[in-house]
Amino acid sequence: MRRVIAIAAAGLSLAGCSSFSTDYFKSAPPTLQVQIESNPPGADARTSLGQNCKTPCSVTLPVPDSGGFTVSYTMPRFQPATVPVQVIRIPGEFFSAGTTKTDPNPVVAELQPAGPLPKAAHKMMRPKKPKVPKGAAGAPPADGSAFPDPAQGSAPPPPPPPR
């Protein structure tokens, strides 16, 4: 009978080992909590890691493998803006875990108003040339003055009409 109990106990202990996994010892992937704001508020913000929200908001991001990410802001009647964010890893010591922080946090963008919308282009028309009366001696001077320049040696003025 002792043999049966020993075999049952060994079987139960081996069954427990077959479902044993080292995943229990792994911690969840590290995440960052980032506050996102804009001036004026209400902009659509999208991170290069895929999360998006409407400002002001807070997002939880996985810690990127590379050095950082960007936050892009869009809002109607405002120019889009992009803010780079650096991820700073501070290694832990033997008894303390490492930390990760972002610079800047909160991530803030100042959105600039877009210029006025362009109006429909109008076809440029040439101004009409003034008609020259048939009895005129010649074309008006190029400078637009009504009288000829006396320094240019123009013809003398016509004599007064007879009485």
N, C-alpha and C. Protein backbone atom coordinates (compact mmCIF):
# COMPACT_ATOMS: atom_id res chain seq x y z
N MET A 1 0.82 -1.18 0.00
CA MET A 1 0.00 0.00 0.00
C MET A 1 0.87 1.27 0.00
N ARG A 2 1.96 1.18 0.71
CA ARG A 2 2.85 2.32 0.73
C ARG A 2 3.40 2.59 -0.68
N ARG A 3 3.61 1.53 -1.40
CA ARG A 3 4.11 1.70 -2.74
C ARG A 3 3.13 2.48 -3.61
N VAL A 4 1.85 2.23 -3.48
CA VAL A 4 0.81 2.91 -4.27
C VAL A 4 0.77 4.39 -3.89
N ILE A 5 0.88 4.70 -2.62
CA ILE A 5 0.84 6.10 -2.18
C ILE A 5 2.09 6.81 -2.70
N ALA A 6 3.24 6.19 -2.67
CA ALA A 6 4.48 6.80 -3.15
C ALA A 6 4.39 7.06 -4.65
N ILE A 7 3.85 6.10 -5.41
CA ILE A 7 3.71 6.27 -6.87
C ILE A 7 2.71 7.40 -7.16
N ALA A 8 1.61 7.49 -6.42
CA ALA A 8 0.62 8.55 -6.63
C ALA A 8 1.23 9.92 -6.31
N ALA A 9 2.00 10.00 -5.23
CA ALA A 9 2.62 11.27 -4.86
C ALA A 9 3.65 11.69 -5.92
N ALA A 10 4.42 10.75 -6.43
CA ALA A 10 5.40 11.06 -7.47
C ALA A 10 4.70 11.48 -8.76
N GLY A 11 3.60 10.83 -9.07
CA GLY A 11 2.85 11.20 -10.29
C GLY A 11 2.28 12.61 -10.20
N LEU A 12 1.73 12.95 -9.02
CA LEU A 12 1.20 14.30 -8.85
C LEU A 12 2.30 15.36 -8.93
N SER A 13 3.43 15.07 -8.36
CA SER A 13 4.51 16.06 -8.41
C SER A 13 5.05 16.22 -9.83
N LEU A 14 5.12 15.14 -10.59
CA LEU A 14 5.57 15.26 -11.97
C LEU A 14 4.52 15.97 -12.84
N ALA A 15 3.25 15.77 -12.56
CA ALA A 15 2.21 16.45 -13.31
C ALA A 15 2.29 17.96 -13.08
N GLY A 16 2.63 18.37 -11.91
CA GLY A 16 2.80 19.80 -11.61
C GLY A 16 3.98 20.38 -12.36
N CYS A 17 5.04 19.62 -12.54
CA CYS A 17 6.22 20.10 -13.26
C CYS A 17 5.94 20.25 -14.75
N SER A 18 5.05 19.45 -15.29
CA SER A 18 4.80 19.54 -16.73
C SER A 18 4.08 20.84 -17.09
N SER A 19 3.33 21.42 -16.17
CA SER A 19 2.65 22.68 -16.45
C SER A 19 3.45 23.88 -15.96
N PHE A 20 4.62 23.64 -15.42
CA PHE A 20 5.46 24.71 -14.92
C PHE A 20 6.04 25.50 -16.10
N SER A 21 6.02 26.80 -16.01
CA SER A 21 6.55 27.65 -17.07
C SER A 21 7.36 28.77 -16.45
N THR A 22 8.37 29.22 -17.17
CA THR A 22 9.18 30.33 -16.65
C THR A 22 8.49 31.67 -16.88
N ASP A 23 7.33 31.67 -17.58
CA ASP A 23 6.60 32.92 -17.80
C ASP A 23 6.13 33.53 -16.49
N TYR A 24 6.01 32.76 -15.47
CA TYR A 24 5.56 33.29 -14.18
C TYR A 24 6.57 34.26 -13.59
N PHE A 25 7.83 34.08 -13.96
CA PHE A 25 8.88 34.91 -13.40
C PHE A 25 9.12 36.18 -14.23
N LYS A 26 8.56 36.22 -15.43
CA LYS A 26 8.75 37.41 -16.27
C LYS A 26 7.75 38.48 -15.86
N SER A 27 8.23 39.72 -15.82
CA SER A 27 7.33 40.81 -15.48
C SER A 27 6.65 41.31 -16.76
N ALA A 28 5.57 42.04 -16.57
CA ALA A 28 4.86 42.61 -17.71
C ALA A 28 5.79 43.62 -18.40
N PRO A 29 5.63 43.82 -19.72
CA PRO A 29 6.50 44.79 -20.37
C PRO A 29 6.30 46.17 -19.76
N PRO A 30 7.39 46.93 -19.62
CA PRO A 30 7.27 48.25 -18.99
C PRO A 30 6.44 49.21 -19.85
N THR A 31 5.71 50.06 -19.18
CA THR A 31 4.89 51.05 -19.88
C THR A 31 5.21 52.45 -19.36
N LEU A 32 4.83 53.43 -20.16
CA LEU A 32 4.99 54.84 -19.79
C LEU A 32 3.64 55.50 -19.73
N GLN A 33 3.44 56.39 -18.81
CA GLN A 33 2.23 57.21 -18.73
C GLN A 33 2.65 58.60 -19.21
N VAL A 34 2.05 59.07 -20.33
CA VAL A 34 2.43 60.35 -20.91
C VAL A 34 1.21 61.25 -20.98
N GLN A 35 1.36 62.47 -20.47
CA GLN A 35 0.31 63.49 -20.53
C GLN A 35 0.51 64.28 -21.82
N ILE A 36 -0.58 64.43 -22.62
CA ILE A 36 -0.50 65.14 -23.90
C ILE A 36 -1.45 66.34 -23.85
N GLU A 37 -0.92 67.52 -24.18
CA GLU A 37 -1.71 68.75 -24.13
C GLU A 37 -1.43 69.58 -25.37
N SER A 38 -2.35 70.50 -25.68
CA SER A 38 -2.14 71.43 -26.79
C SER A 38 -2.77 72.76 -26.46
N ASN A 39 -2.28 73.79 -27.14
CA ASN A 39 -2.87 75.11 -26.99
C ASN A 39 -3.22 75.59 -28.39
N PRO A 40 -4.46 75.66 -28.76
CA PRO A 40 -5.69 75.48 -27.99
C PRO A 40 -5.99 74.00 -27.78
N PRO A 41 -6.75 73.68 -26.73
CA PRO A 41 -7.10 72.29 -26.49
C PRO A 41 -8.09 71.79 -27.53
N GLY A 42 -8.21 70.48 -27.63
CA GLY A 42 -9.16 69.87 -28.56
C GLY A 42 -8.51 69.35 -29.83
N ALA A 43 -7.18 69.35 -29.90
CA ALA A 43 -6.49 68.84 -31.08
C ALA A 43 -6.45 67.32 -31.05
N ASP A 44 -6.36 66.71 -32.21
CA ASP A 44 -6.17 65.26 -32.31
C ASP A 44 -4.68 64.99 -32.21
N ALA A 45 -4.29 64.17 -31.24
CA ALA A 45 -2.88 63.83 -31.04
C ALA A 45 -2.69 62.36 -31.35
N ARG A 46 -1.63 62.04 -32.10
CA ARG A 46 -1.32 60.65 -32.45
C ARG A 46 0.16 60.41 -32.22
N THR A 47 0.48 59.34 -31.47
CA THR A 47 1.88 59.01 -31.22
C THR A 47 2.39 58.14 -32.37
N SER A 48 3.69 58.14 -32.56
CA SER A 48 4.29 57.28 -33.58
C SER A 48 4.23 55.82 -33.18
N LEU A 49 3.82 55.55 -31.93
CA LEU A 49 3.65 54.17 -31.46
C LEU A 49 2.23 53.66 -31.70
N GLY A 50 1.34 54.54 -32.21
CA GLY A 50 0.00 54.10 -32.61
C GLY A 50 -1.16 54.59 -31.76
N GLN A 51 -0.95 55.11 -30.59
CA GLN A 51 -2.04 55.57 -29.74
C GLN A 51 -2.47 56.96 -30.18
N ASN A 52 -3.76 57.26 -30.02
CA ASN A 52 -4.24 58.60 -30.33
C ASN A 52 -5.32 59.00 -29.33
N CYS A 53 -5.52 60.33 -29.20
CA CYS A 53 -6.51 60.87 -28.29
C CYS A 53 -6.76 62.32 -28.66
N LYS A 54 -7.73 62.94 -27.99
CA LYS A 54 -8.04 64.36 -28.18
C LYS A 54 -7.55 65.10 -26.94
N THR A 55 -6.76 66.14 -27.15
CA THR A 55 -6.12 66.84 -26.04
C THR A 55 -7.12 67.65 -25.23
N PRO A 56 -6.88 67.80 -23.93
CA PRO A 56 -5.83 67.21 -23.11
C PRO A 56 -6.17 65.76 -22.77
N CYS A 57 -5.16 64.91 -22.73
CA CYS A 57 -5.39 63.49 -22.46
C CYS A 57 -4.12 62.87 -21.90
N SER A 58 -4.25 61.62 -21.50
CA SER A 58 -3.13 60.86 -20.99
C SER A 58 -3.16 59.49 -21.65
N VAL A 59 -2.01 59.01 -22.12
CA VAL A 59 -1.95 57.71 -22.77
C VAL A 59 -0.90 56.84 -22.09
N THR A 60 -1.14 55.54 -22.13
CA THR A 60 -0.19 54.57 -21.62
C THR A 60 0.48 53.93 -22.82
N LEU A 61 1.79 54.02 -22.88
CA LEU A 61 2.56 53.54 -24.02
C LEU A 61 3.52 52.45 -23.58
N PRO A 62 3.77 51.48 -24.46
CA PRO A 62 4.86 50.55 -24.16
C PRO A 62 6.19 51.27 -24.34
N VAL A 63 7.16 50.92 -23.55
CA VAL A 63 8.47 51.56 -23.65
C VAL A 63 9.09 51.13 -24.98
N PRO A 64 9.41 52.10 -25.85
CA PRO A 64 9.97 51.73 -27.16
C PRO A 64 11.39 51.21 -27.02
N ASP A 65 11.78 50.35 -27.97
CA ASP A 65 13.14 49.81 -27.96
C ASP A 65 14.15 50.88 -28.34
N SER A 66 13.76 51.77 -29.25
CA SER A 66 14.67 52.82 -29.69
C SER A 66 14.64 53.98 -28.70
N GLY A 67 15.28 55.09 -29.06
CA GLY A 67 15.44 56.21 -28.15
C GLY A 67 14.22 57.06 -27.89
N GLY A 68 13.17 56.97 -28.69
CA GLY A 68 12.04 57.85 -28.45
C GLY A 68 10.91 57.64 -29.45
N PHE A 69 10.01 58.63 -29.48
CA PHE A 69 8.86 58.59 -30.37
C PHE A 69 8.43 60.03 -30.62
N THR A 70 7.40 60.22 -31.45
CA THR A 70 6.89 61.56 -31.72
C THR A 70 5.40 61.61 -31.45
N VAL A 71 4.91 62.82 -31.19
CA VAL A 71 3.47 63.07 -31.04
C VAL A 71 3.11 64.11 -32.09
N SER A 72 2.16 63.76 -32.97
CA SER A 72 1.72 64.67 -34.03
C SER A 72 0.34 65.20 -33.70
N TYR A 73 0.18 66.51 -33.86
CA TYR A 73 -1.08 67.19 -33.53
C TYR A 73 -1.71 67.71 -34.82
N THR A 74 -3.04 67.54 -34.93
CA THR A 74 -3.79 68.13 -36.04
C THR A 74 -5.07 68.73 -35.49
N MET A 75 -5.49 69.84 -36.11
CA MET A 75 -6.73 70.51 -35.71
C MET A 75 -7.18 71.37 -36.88
N PRO A 76 -8.47 71.35 -37.19
CA PRO A 76 -8.95 72.18 -38.31
C PRO A 76 -8.61 73.65 -38.09
N ARG A 77 -8.25 74.34 -39.15
CA ARG A 77 -7.91 75.76 -39.18
C ARG A 77 -6.60 76.08 -38.43
N PHE A 78 -5.80 75.03 -38.13
CA PHE A 78 -4.50 75.23 -37.50
C PHE A 78 -3.47 74.40 -38.24
N GLN A 79 -2.24 74.88 -38.22
CA GLN A 79 -1.16 74.15 -38.87
C GLN A 79 -0.80 72.93 -38.02
N PRO A 80 -0.51 71.78 -38.64
CA PRO A 80 -0.13 70.60 -37.86
C PRO A 80 1.22 70.82 -37.19
N ALA A 81 1.43 70.09 -36.11
CA ALA A 81 2.69 70.20 -35.36
C ALA A 81 3.12 68.81 -34.92
N THR A 82 4.43 68.61 -34.79
CA THR A 82 4.98 67.34 -34.32
C THR A 82 6.01 67.65 -33.25
N VAL A 83 5.92 66.92 -32.12
CA VAL A 83 6.84 67.13 -31.01
C VAL A 83 7.61 65.82 -30.77
N PRO A 84 8.96 65.86 -30.83
CA PRO A 84 9.74 64.66 -30.51
C PRO A 84 9.81 64.44 -29.00
N VAL A 85 9.76 63.17 -28.60
CA VAL A 85 9.82 62.82 -27.18
C VAL A 85 10.95 61.81 -27.00
N GLN A 86 11.83 62.09 -26.05
CA GLN A 86 12.93 61.16 -25.76
C GLN A 86 12.54 60.27 -24.58
N VAL A 87 12.91 59.01 -24.69
CA VAL A 87 12.70 58.07 -23.59
C VAL A 87 14.04 57.87 -22.90
N ILE A 88 14.05 58.14 -21.60
CA ILE A 88 15.28 58.05 -20.81
C ILE A 88 15.16 56.85 -19.87
N ARG A 89 16.08 55.93 -20.01
CA ARG A 89 16.10 54.74 -19.14
C ARG A 89 17.16 54.92 -18.07
N ILE A 90 16.74 54.75 -16.83
CA ILE A 90 17.67 54.85 -15.71
C ILE A 90 17.82 53.43 -15.15
N PRO A 91 19.01 52.86 -15.29
CA PRO A 91 19.17 51.46 -14.86
C PRO A 91 19.02 51.33 -13.34
N GLY A 92 18.51 50.18 -12.95
CA GLY A 92 18.34 49.91 -11.52
C GLY A 92 19.60 49.34 -10.93
N GLU A 93 19.60 49.26 -9.63
CA GLU A 93 20.71 48.65 -8.92
C GLU A 93 20.28 47.27 -8.47
N PHE A 94 21.08 46.65 -7.65
CA PHE A 94 20.78 45.28 -7.24
C PHE A 94 19.46 45.18 -6.50
N PHE A 95 19.15 46.13 -5.64
CA PHE A 95 17.94 46.04 -4.84
C PHE A 95 16.80 46.93 -5.35
N SER A 96 17.03 47.69 -6.41
CA SER A 96 15.97 48.56 -6.93
C SER A 96 15.81 48.34 -8.44
N ALA A 97 14.59 48.47 -8.87
CA ALA A 97 14.30 48.30 -10.29
C ALA A 97 14.67 49.58 -11.05
N GLY A 98 14.96 49.43 -12.32
CA GLY A 98 15.25 50.58 -13.16
C GLY A 98 13.97 51.36 -13.45
N THR A 99 14.13 52.62 -13.81
CA THR A 99 12.97 53.45 -14.13
C THR A 99 13.12 53.99 -15.54
N THR A 100 12.00 54.38 -16.09
CA THR A 100 11.96 54.96 -17.42
C THR A 100 11.11 56.22 -17.36
N LYS A 101 11.62 57.31 -17.96
CA LYS A 101 10.84 58.54 -17.99
C LYS A 101 10.96 59.17 -19.36
N THR A 102 10.07 60.13 -19.64
CA THR A 102 10.08 60.81 -20.93
C THR A 102 10.43 62.27 -20.75
N ASP A 103 11.03 62.83 -21.80
CA ASP A 103 11.35 64.24 -21.81
C ASP A 103 10.89 64.81 -23.14
N PRO A 104 9.91 65.66 -23.17
CA PRO A 104 9.18 66.32 -22.10
C PRO A 104 7.99 65.49 -21.63
N ASN A 105 7.54 65.76 -20.45
CA ASN A 105 6.30 65.19 -19.93
C ASN A 105 5.72 66.21 -18.96
N PRO A 106 4.64 66.88 -19.28
CA PRO A 106 3.69 66.63 -20.35
C PRO A 106 4.23 67.11 -21.71
N VAL A 107 3.75 66.47 -22.77
CA VAL A 107 4.10 66.85 -24.13
C VAL A 107 3.10 67.91 -24.56
N VAL A 108 3.58 69.12 -24.85
CA VAL A 108 2.71 70.25 -25.17
C VAL A 108 3.08 70.81 -26.54
N ALA A 109 2.07 71.11 -27.36
CA ALA A 109 2.28 71.75 -28.65
C ALA A 109 1.48 73.04 -28.72
N GLU A 110 2.10 74.08 -29.26
CA GLU A 110 1.44 75.36 -29.48
C GLU A 110 1.06 75.39 -30.96
N LEU A 111 -0.23 75.23 -31.26
CA LEU A 111 -0.69 75.18 -32.65
C LEU A 111 -0.87 76.59 -33.19
N GLN A 112 -0.32 76.82 -34.38
CA GLN A 112 -0.39 78.13 -35.01
C GLN A 112 -1.59 78.16 -35.97
N PRO A 113 -2.35 79.25 -35.97
CA PRO A 113 -3.48 79.34 -36.89
C PRO A 113 -2.99 79.30 -38.34
N ALA A 114 -3.77 78.63 -39.16
CA ALA A 114 -3.46 78.58 -40.58
C ALA A 114 -3.85 79.92 -41.20
N GLY A 115 -3.17 80.32 -42.25
CA GLY A 115 -3.48 81.58 -42.92
C GLY A 115 -4.86 81.51 -43.55
N PRO A 116 -5.35 82.63 -44.06
CA PRO A 116 -6.68 82.62 -44.68
C PRO A 116 -6.67 81.69 -45.88
N LEU A 117 -7.80 81.09 -46.13
CA LEU A 117 -7.90 80.17 -47.25
C LEU A 117 -7.76 80.97 -48.55
N PRO A 118 -7.05 80.42 -49.53
CA PRO A 118 -6.87 81.16 -50.77
C PRO A 118 -8.19 81.29 -51.51
N LYS A 119 -8.43 82.49 -52.05
CA LYS A 119 -9.65 82.71 -52.82
C LYS A 119 -9.44 82.16 -54.21
N ALA A 120 -10.53 81.95 -54.90
CA ALA A 120 -10.44 81.43 -56.25
C ALA A 120 -9.67 82.42 -57.11
N ALA A 121 -8.77 81.91 -57.91
CA ALA A 121 -7.94 82.76 -58.74
C ALA A 121 -8.80 83.39 -59.84
N HIS A 122 -8.69 84.69 -59.95
CA HIS A 122 -9.43 85.39 -60.99
C HIS A 122 -8.51 85.57 -62.19
N LYS A 123 -9.10 85.51 -63.38
CA LYS A 123 -8.32 85.70 -64.58
C LYS A 123 -7.92 87.17 -64.66
N MET A 124 -6.65 87.41 -64.82
CA MET A 124 -6.16 88.77 -64.91
C MET A 124 -6.53 89.33 -66.28
N MET A 125 -7.13 90.48 -66.28
CA MET A 125 -7.53 91.14 -67.53
C MET A 125 -6.66 92.37 -67.73
N ARG A 126 -6.29 92.63 -68.97
CA ARG A 126 -5.51 93.82 -69.28
C ARG A 126 -6.43 95.02 -69.29
N PRO A 127 -5.94 96.13 -68.80
CA PRO A 127 -6.79 97.33 -68.89
C PRO A 127 -6.91 97.77 -70.34
N LYS A 128 -8.05 98.32 -70.67
CA LYS A 128 -8.28 98.78 -72.04
C LYS A 128 -7.46 100.04 -72.28
N LYS A 129 -6.93 100.15 -73.50
CA LYS A 129 -6.18 101.35 -73.87
C LYS A 129 -7.18 102.45 -74.18
N PRO A 130 -6.89 103.66 -73.75
CA PRO A 130 -7.82 104.75 -74.08
C PRO A 130 -7.78 105.03 -75.59
N LYS A 131 -8.94 105.33 -76.10
CA LYS A 131 -9.02 105.63 -77.52
C LYS A 131 -8.46 107.02 -77.76
N VAL A 132 -7.67 107.16 -78.82
CA VAL A 132 -7.09 108.44 -79.18
C VAL A 132 -8.02 109.11 -80.18
N PRO A 133 -8.43 110.37 -79.92
CA PRO A 133 -9.30 111.03 -80.90
C PRO A 133 -8.59 111.17 -82.25
N LYS A 134 -9.35 111.16 -83.32
CA LYS A 134 -8.77 111.18 -84.67
C LYS A 134 -7.98 112.44 -84.92
N GLY A 135 -8.36 113.57 -84.35
CA GLY A 135 -7.68 114.83 -84.60
C GLY A 135 -6.45 115.05 -83.74
N ALA A 136 -6.06 114.09 -82.91
CA ALA A 136 -4.92 114.27 -82.00
C ALA A 136 -3.64 114.19 -82.79
N ALA A 137 -2.64 114.97 -82.40
CA ALA A 137 -1.38 115.02 -83.12
C ALA A 137 -0.57 113.74 -82.91
N GLY A 138 -0.67 113.13 -81.79
CA GLY A 138 0.11 111.93 -81.52
C GLY A 138 -0.32 111.28 -80.22
N ALA A 139 0.37 110.25 -79.86
CA ALA A 139 0.07 109.53 -78.63
C ALA A 139 0.49 110.35 -77.43
N PRO A 140 -0.15 110.18 -76.28
CA PRO A 140 0.25 110.92 -75.09
C PRO A 140 1.65 110.50 -74.66
N PRO A 141 2.35 111.34 -73.93
CA PRO A 141 3.70 110.99 -73.48
C PRO A 141 3.68 109.70 -72.64
N ALA A 142 4.83 108.99 -72.61
CA ALA A 142 4.94 107.71 -71.91
C ALA A 142 4.81 107.87 -70.41
N ASP A 143 5.15 109.04 -69.88
CA ASP A 143 5.09 109.19 -68.43
C ASP A 143 3.68 109.46 -67.93
N GLY A 144 2.70 109.56 -68.80
CA GLY A 144 1.32 109.71 -68.40
C GLY A 144 0.91 111.14 -68.15
N SER A 145 1.80 112.12 -68.35
CA SER A 145 1.41 113.50 -68.09
C SER A 145 0.59 114.02 -69.27
N ALA A 146 -0.24 115.00 -69.01
CA ALA A 146 -1.11 115.55 -70.05
C ALA A 146 -0.36 116.52 -70.95
N PHE A 147 0.76 117.08 -70.46
CA PHE A 147 1.50 118.07 -71.24
C PHE A 147 2.88 117.53 -71.56
N PRO A 148 3.39 117.83 -72.74
CA PRO A 148 4.73 117.36 -73.08
C PRO A 148 5.78 118.09 -72.25
N ASP A 149 6.90 117.43 -72.06
CA ASP A 149 7.99 118.01 -71.29
C ASP A 149 8.72 119.03 -72.14
N PRO A 150 8.83 120.31 -71.69
CA PRO A 150 9.48 121.32 -72.51
C PRO A 150 10.97 121.05 -72.69
N ALA A 151 11.59 120.29 -71.82
CA ALA A 151 13.02 120.02 -71.95
C ALA A 151 13.31 119.10 -73.12
N GLN A 152 12.32 118.40 -73.63
CA GLN A 152 12.55 117.45 -74.71
C GLN A 152 12.49 118.13 -76.07
N GLY A 153 12.23 119.40 -76.12
CA GLY A 153 12.22 120.14 -77.38
C GLY A 153 11.02 119.79 -78.23
N SER A 154 9.88 119.77 -77.64
CA SER A 154 8.68 119.43 -78.39
C SER A 154 8.24 120.62 -79.23
N ALA A 155 7.28 120.38 -80.08
CA ALA A 155 6.76 121.42 -80.98
C ALA A 155 6.10 122.51 -80.16
N PRO A 156 6.13 123.77 -80.66
CA PRO A 156 5.50 124.86 -79.92
C PRO A 156 3.99 124.68 -79.90
N PRO A 157 3.34 125.25 -78.91
CA PRO A 157 1.89 125.08 -78.84
C PRO A 157 1.22 125.75 -80.05
N PRO A 158 0.06 125.24 -80.46
CA PRO A 158 -0.61 125.82 -81.62
C PRO A 158 -1.06 127.24 -81.33
N PRO A 159 -1.16 128.09 -82.38
CA PRO A 159 -1.57 129.49 -82.17
C PRO A 159 -3.02 129.53 -81.72
N PRO A 160 -3.42 130.61 -81.04
CA PRO A 160 -4.81 130.72 -80.58
C PRO A 160 -5.75 130.85 -81.80
N PRO A 161 -6.96 130.39 -81.65
CA PRO A 161 -7.90 130.46 -82.76
C PRO A 161 -8.23 131.92 -83.13
N PRO A 162 -8.52 132.21 -84.43
CA PRO A 162 -8.82 133.60 -84.84
C PRO A 162 -10.13 134.06 -84.27
N ARG A 163 -10.29 135.40 -84.15
CA ARG A 163 -11.51 135.95 -83.56
C ARG A 163 -12.46 136.32 -84.57
